[in-house]
Amino acid sequence: MLTSVSLTHYLIVSGILFSLGIFGVVTRRNAILVLMGIELILNSANINFIAFSRYRGMNLDGQAVAIFVIILAAAEAAVALAIVLNIYQRFNTVNVDDISKMKE
């Protein structure tokens, strides 16, 4: 009973990851957990790029875009964590609601 993995399977997994990422971004108050939700969203986009590249002609365009997204996610994580550490040093919290007091 060997079943083959089709494009639909990849899209379902990607949709689940995207939904979990959106849920994490919307419901969490901790800045670190919001960043983890953003990473889940970027990973779901990577799955889509690779899956469409695999099932739509085997060209390397999807892989190249996925590598670019991985590089972008690494840079985003480094900059965002530096900002979060700076905010923690100043306010002693990483809650998004408490950080909004910076406007005042």
N, C-alpha and C. Protein backbone atom coordinates (compact mmCIF):
# COMPACT_ATOMS: atom_id res chain seq x y z
N MET A 1 0.82 -1.19 0.00
CA MET A 1 0.00 0.00 0.00
C MET A 1 0.86 1.25 0.00
N LEU A 2 1.61 1.41 -1.01
CA LEU A 2 2.44 2.59 -1.13
C LEU A 2 1.64 3.67 -1.84
N THR A 3 1.42 4.77 -1.16
CA THR A 3 0.70 5.88 -1.78
C THR A 3 1.70 6.94 -2.19
N SER A 4 1.45 7.51 -3.32
CA SER A 4 2.35 8.56 -3.80
C SER A 4 1.91 9.90 -3.22
N VAL A 5 2.89 10.73 -2.99
CA VAL A 5 2.62 12.06 -2.46
C VAL A 5 2.40 12.99 -3.64
N SER A 6 1.26 13.64 -3.63
CA SER A 6 0.91 14.53 -4.74
C SER A 6 1.05 15.99 -4.31
N LEU A 7 0.81 16.86 -5.25
CA LEU A 7 0.87 18.30 -4.98
C LEU A 7 -0.15 18.70 -3.92
N THR A 8 -1.28 18.05 -3.91
CA THR A 8 -2.33 18.35 -2.94
C THR A 8 -1.84 18.13 -1.51
N HIS A 9 -1.08 17.09 -1.28
CA HIS A 9 -0.56 16.82 0.05
C HIS A 9 0.35 17.96 0.52
N TYR A 10 1.22 18.41 -0.36
CA TYR A 10 2.10 19.52 0.01
C TYR A 10 1.31 20.79 0.29
N LEU A 11 0.29 21.04 -0.50
CA LEU A 11 -0.52 22.24 -0.29
C LEU A 11 -1.31 22.17 1.01
N ILE A 12 -1.76 20.99 1.39
CA ILE A 12 -2.47 20.83 2.66
C ILE A 12 -1.52 21.10 3.83
N VAL A 13 -0.33 20.53 3.78
CA VAL A 13 0.64 20.77 4.85
C VAL A 13 1.01 22.25 4.90
N SER A 14 1.20 22.86 3.75
CA SER A 14 1.52 24.27 3.70
C SER A 14 0.39 25.13 4.26
N GLY A 15 -0.83 24.78 3.94
CA GLY A 15 -1.98 25.51 4.47
C GLY A 15 -2.10 25.39 5.98
N ILE A 16 -1.81 24.21 6.51
CA ILE A 16 -1.85 24.01 7.96
C ILE A 16 -0.76 24.86 8.63
N LEU A 17 0.45 24.84 8.07
CA LEU A 17 1.53 25.66 8.63
C LEU A 17 1.20 27.15 8.56
N PHE A 18 0.63 27.58 7.45
CA PHE A 18 0.25 28.99 7.31
C PHE A 18 -0.80 29.37 8.33
N SER A 19 -1.79 28.51 8.53
CA SER A 19 -2.84 28.78 9.50
C SER A 19 -2.29 28.86 10.92
N LEU A 20 -1.38 27.94 11.26
CA LEU A 20 -0.76 27.98 12.58
C LEU A 20 0.08 29.24 12.76
N GLY A 21 0.76 29.66 11.70
CA GLY A 21 1.54 30.89 11.78
C GLY A 21 0.68 32.12 11.97
N ILE A 22 -0.41 32.22 11.23
CA ILE A 22 -1.34 33.35 11.39
C ILE A 22 -1.94 33.34 12.79
N PHE A 23 -2.31 32.15 13.27
CA PHE A 23 -2.86 32.03 14.63
C PHE A 23 -1.83 32.50 15.66
N GLY A 24 -0.58 32.14 15.48
CA GLY A 24 0.47 32.55 16.40
C GLY A 24 0.71 34.05 16.38
N VAL A 25 0.65 34.66 15.21
CA VAL A 25 0.87 36.10 15.10
C VAL A 25 -0.28 36.88 15.72
N VAL A 26 -1.50 36.41 15.48
CA VAL A 26 -2.68 37.16 15.93
C VAL A 26 -2.93 37.01 17.42
N THR A 27 -2.72 35.83 17.97
CA THR A 27 -3.14 35.58 19.35
C THR A 27 -2.05 35.77 20.38
N ARG A 28 -0.81 35.76 20.03
CA ARG A 28 0.26 35.83 21.01
C ARG A 28 0.59 37.27 21.37
N ARG A 29 0.99 37.45 22.61
CA ARG A 29 1.40 38.77 23.08
C ARG A 29 2.90 38.85 23.27
N ASN A 30 3.58 37.73 23.23
CA ASN A 30 5.02 37.69 23.39
C ASN A 30 5.67 37.91 22.03
N ALA A 31 6.63 38.81 21.97
CA ALA A 31 7.26 39.16 20.69
C ALA A 31 8.01 37.97 20.09
N ILE A 32 8.61 37.14 20.93
CA ILE A 32 9.34 35.97 20.42
C ILE A 32 8.38 35.00 19.74
N LEU A 33 7.21 34.78 20.34
CA LEU A 33 6.24 33.86 19.75
C LEU A 33 5.63 34.43 18.47
N VAL A 34 5.51 35.75 18.39
CA VAL A 34 5.05 36.38 17.15
C VAL A 34 6.08 36.14 16.04
N LEU A 35 7.35 36.25 16.37
CA LEU A 35 8.41 35.99 15.38
C LEU A 35 8.39 34.53 14.94
N MET A 36 8.10 33.62 15.86
CA MET A 36 8.01 32.20 15.48
C MET A 36 6.83 31.98 14.53
N GLY A 37 5.73 32.70 14.74
CA GLY A 37 4.59 32.61 13.82
C GLY A 37 4.95 33.11 12.43
N ILE A 38 5.73 34.17 12.36
CA ILE A 38 6.18 34.68 11.07
C ILE A 38 7.08 33.67 10.37
N GLU A 39 7.92 32.99 11.13
CA GLU A 39 8.78 31.96 10.54
C GLU A 39 7.93 30.80 9.99
N LEU A 40 6.86 30.44 10.68
CA LEU A 40 5.99 29.39 10.15
C LEU A 40 5.34 29.81 8.84
N ILE A 41 4.95 31.06 8.75
CA ILE A 41 4.36 31.57 7.50
C ILE A 41 5.38 31.52 6.36
N LEU A 42 6.61 31.91 6.64
CA LEU A 42 7.65 31.86 5.60
C LEU A 42 7.95 30.42 5.20
N ASN A 43 7.94 29.49 6.15
CA ASN A 43 8.18 28.08 5.82
C ASN A 43 7.05 27.50 4.98
N SER A 44 5.83 27.94 5.23
CA SER A 44 4.73 27.45 4.39
C SER A 44 4.88 27.96 2.96
N ALA A 45 5.37 29.19 2.81
CA ALA A 45 5.63 29.70 1.46
C ALA A 45 6.73 28.91 0.78
N ASN A 46 7.76 28.52 1.54
CA ASN A 46 8.83 27.70 0.97
C ASN A 46 8.32 26.35 0.49
N ILE A 47 7.44 25.74 1.25
CA ILE A 47 6.87 24.45 0.83
C ILE A 47 6.12 24.62 -0.48
N ASN A 48 5.37 25.71 -0.60
CA ASN A 48 4.65 25.96 -1.85
C ASN A 48 5.60 26.15 -3.02
N PHE A 49 6.66 26.94 -2.84
CA PHE A 49 7.62 27.16 -3.92
C PHE A 49 8.25 25.85 -4.38
N ILE A 50 8.69 25.04 -3.44
CA ILE A 50 9.34 23.78 -3.78
C ILE A 50 8.35 22.81 -4.43
N ALA A 51 7.14 22.73 -3.89
CA ALA A 51 6.15 21.80 -4.43
C ALA A 51 5.76 22.19 -5.86
N PHE A 52 5.51 23.46 -6.10
CA PHE A 52 5.15 23.88 -7.45
C PHE A 52 6.31 23.72 -8.41
N SER A 53 7.52 23.92 -7.93
CA SER A 53 8.68 23.69 -8.78
C SER A 53 8.82 22.21 -9.14
N ARG A 54 8.53 21.36 -8.19
CA ARG A 54 8.65 19.91 -8.40
C ARG A 54 7.58 19.38 -9.35
N TYR A 55 6.36 19.84 -9.17
CA TYR A 55 5.26 19.28 -9.94
C TYR A 55 4.90 20.09 -11.19
N ARG A 56 5.60 21.17 -11.44
CA ARG A 56 5.30 21.96 -12.64
C ARG A 56 6.51 22.12 -13.54
N GLY A 57 7.30 21.07 -13.74
CA GLY A 57 8.32 21.13 -14.76
C GLY A 57 9.75 20.92 -14.30
N MET A 58 10.01 20.76 -13.02
CA MET A 58 11.34 20.45 -12.50
C MET A 58 12.39 21.52 -12.84
N ASN A 59 11.99 22.75 -13.00
CA ASN A 59 12.99 23.80 -13.16
C ASN A 59 13.44 24.28 -11.78
N LEU A 60 14.49 25.03 -11.73
CA LEU A 60 15.08 25.42 -10.46
C LEU A 60 14.59 26.78 -9.95
N ASP A 61 13.57 27.35 -10.57
CA ASP A 61 13.08 28.65 -10.13
C ASP A 61 12.52 28.59 -8.72
N GLY A 62 11.75 27.56 -8.41
CA GLY A 62 11.18 27.42 -7.07
C GLY A 62 12.23 27.24 -6.01
N GLN A 63 13.25 26.45 -6.30
CA GLN A 63 14.33 26.26 -5.34
C GLN A 63 15.11 27.55 -5.11
N ALA A 64 15.33 28.30 -6.17
CA ALA A 64 16.06 29.57 -6.03
C ALA A 64 15.28 30.56 -5.17
N VAL A 65 13.99 30.65 -5.39
CA VAL A 65 13.16 31.54 -4.58
C VAL A 65 13.12 31.06 -3.13
N ALA A 66 13.05 29.75 -2.92
CA ALA A 66 13.03 29.21 -1.56
C ALA A 66 14.33 29.52 -0.83
N ILE A 67 15.46 29.43 -1.50
CA ILE A 67 16.74 29.79 -0.89
C ILE A 67 16.75 31.27 -0.52
N PHE A 68 16.21 32.10 -1.40
CA PHE A 68 16.12 33.53 -1.11
C PHE A 68 15.24 33.79 0.11
N VAL A 69 14.12 33.08 0.23
CA VAL A 69 13.23 33.24 1.39
C VAL A 69 13.93 32.77 2.66
N ILE A 70 14.71 31.71 2.59
CA ILE A 70 15.45 31.23 3.77
C ILE A 70 16.47 32.28 4.21
N ILE A 71 17.17 32.89 3.27
CA ILE A 71 18.13 33.94 3.60
C ILE A 71 17.42 35.14 4.20
N LEU A 72 16.28 35.51 3.63
CA LEU A 72 15.49 36.61 4.14
C LEU A 72 14.99 36.32 5.56
N ALA A 73 14.56 35.09 5.82
CA ALA A 73 14.08 34.71 7.15
C ALA A 73 15.21 34.75 8.17
N ALA A 74 16.40 34.34 7.78
CA ALA A 74 17.54 34.39 8.70
C ALA A 74 17.90 35.83 9.04
N ALA A 75 17.91 36.70 8.06
CA ALA A 75 18.20 38.11 8.31
C ALA A 75 17.11 38.74 9.17
N GLU A 76 15.87 38.40 8.89
CA GLU A 76 14.75 38.93 9.68
C GLU A 76 14.84 38.47 11.12
N ALA A 77 15.20 37.22 11.34
CA ALA A 77 15.30 36.70 12.70
C ALA A 77 16.42 37.39 13.46
N ALA A 78 17.54 37.61 12.82
CA ALA A 78 18.67 38.27 13.49
C ALA A 78 18.33 39.70 13.87
N VAL A 79 17.75 40.45 12.95
CA VAL A 79 17.40 41.84 13.23
C VAL A 79 16.29 41.92 14.27
N ALA A 80 15.28 41.08 14.13
CA ALA A 80 14.16 41.11 15.08
C ALA A 80 14.59 40.72 16.48
N LEU A 81 15.45 39.72 16.60
CA LEU A 81 15.93 39.33 17.93
C LEU A 81 16.79 40.42 18.55
N ALA A 82 17.56 41.13 17.76
CA ALA A 82 18.32 42.25 18.28
C ALA A 82 17.39 43.35 18.80
N ILE A 83 16.33 43.62 18.07
CA ILE A 83 15.35 44.62 18.51
C ILE A 83 14.66 44.16 19.78
N VAL A 84 14.29 42.89 19.86
CA VAL A 84 13.61 42.37 21.05
C VAL A 84 14.54 42.44 22.26
N LEU A 85 15.80 42.11 22.10
CA LEU A 85 16.74 42.20 23.21
C LEU A 85 16.92 43.64 23.67
N ASN A 86 16.96 44.56 22.74
CA ASN A 86 17.06 45.98 23.10
C ASN A 86 15.81 46.44 23.85
N ILE A 87 14.66 46.02 23.42
CA ILE A 87 13.41 46.38 24.09
C ILE A 87 13.36 45.76 25.48
N TYR A 88 13.84 44.53 25.61
CA TYR A 88 13.84 43.89 26.92
C TYR A 88 14.77 44.61 27.89
N GLN A 89 15.92 45.05 27.41
CA GLN A 89 16.83 45.80 28.28
C GLN A 89 16.20 47.10 28.76
N ARG A 90 15.41 47.72 27.89
CA ARG A 90 14.84 49.02 28.24
C ARG A 90 13.58 48.91 29.09
N PHE A 91 12.68 47.95 28.77
CA PHE A 91 11.38 47.87 29.43
C PHE A 91 11.22 46.65 30.33
N ASN A 92 12.17 45.74 30.33
CA ASN A 92 12.11 44.49 31.10
C ASN A 92 10.88 43.64 30.76
N THR A 93 10.43 43.68 29.54
CA THR A 93 9.33 42.85 29.07
C THR A 93 9.44 42.68 27.56
N VAL A 94 8.87 41.59 27.06
CA VAL A 94 8.79 41.40 25.62
C VAL A 94 7.34 41.26 25.16
N ASN A 95 6.40 41.64 26.03
CA ASN A 95 5.00 41.61 25.65
C ASN A 95 4.69 42.74 24.67
N VAL A 96 3.98 42.40 23.63
CA VAL A 96 3.70 43.36 22.57
C VAL A 96 2.82 44.49 23.08
N ASP A 97 1.89 44.21 23.99
CA ASP A 97 1.01 45.25 24.52
C ASP A 97 1.79 46.27 25.34
N ASP A 98 2.75 45.82 26.12
CA ASP A 98 3.53 46.74 26.94
C ASP A 98 4.49 47.56 26.09
N ILE A 99 4.94 46.99 24.99
CA ILE A 99 5.87 47.70 24.11
C ILE A 99 5.15 48.84 23.39
N SER A 100 3.84 48.74 23.22
CA SER A 100 3.10 49.80 22.52
C SER A 100 3.11 51.10 23.31
N LYS A 101 3.53 51.08 24.58
CA LYS A 101 3.65 52.29 25.38
C LYS A 101 4.79 53.17 24.90
N MET A 102 5.63 52.66 24.01
CA MET A 102 6.76 53.43 23.51
C MET A 102 6.29 54.66 22.74
N LYS A 103 5.07 54.63 22.20
CA LYS A 103 4.56 55.76 21.44
C LYS A 103 4.31 56.97 22.32
N GLU A 104 4.07 56.73 23.60
CA GLU A 104 3.70 57.82 24.52
C GLU A 104 4.89 58.52 25.09
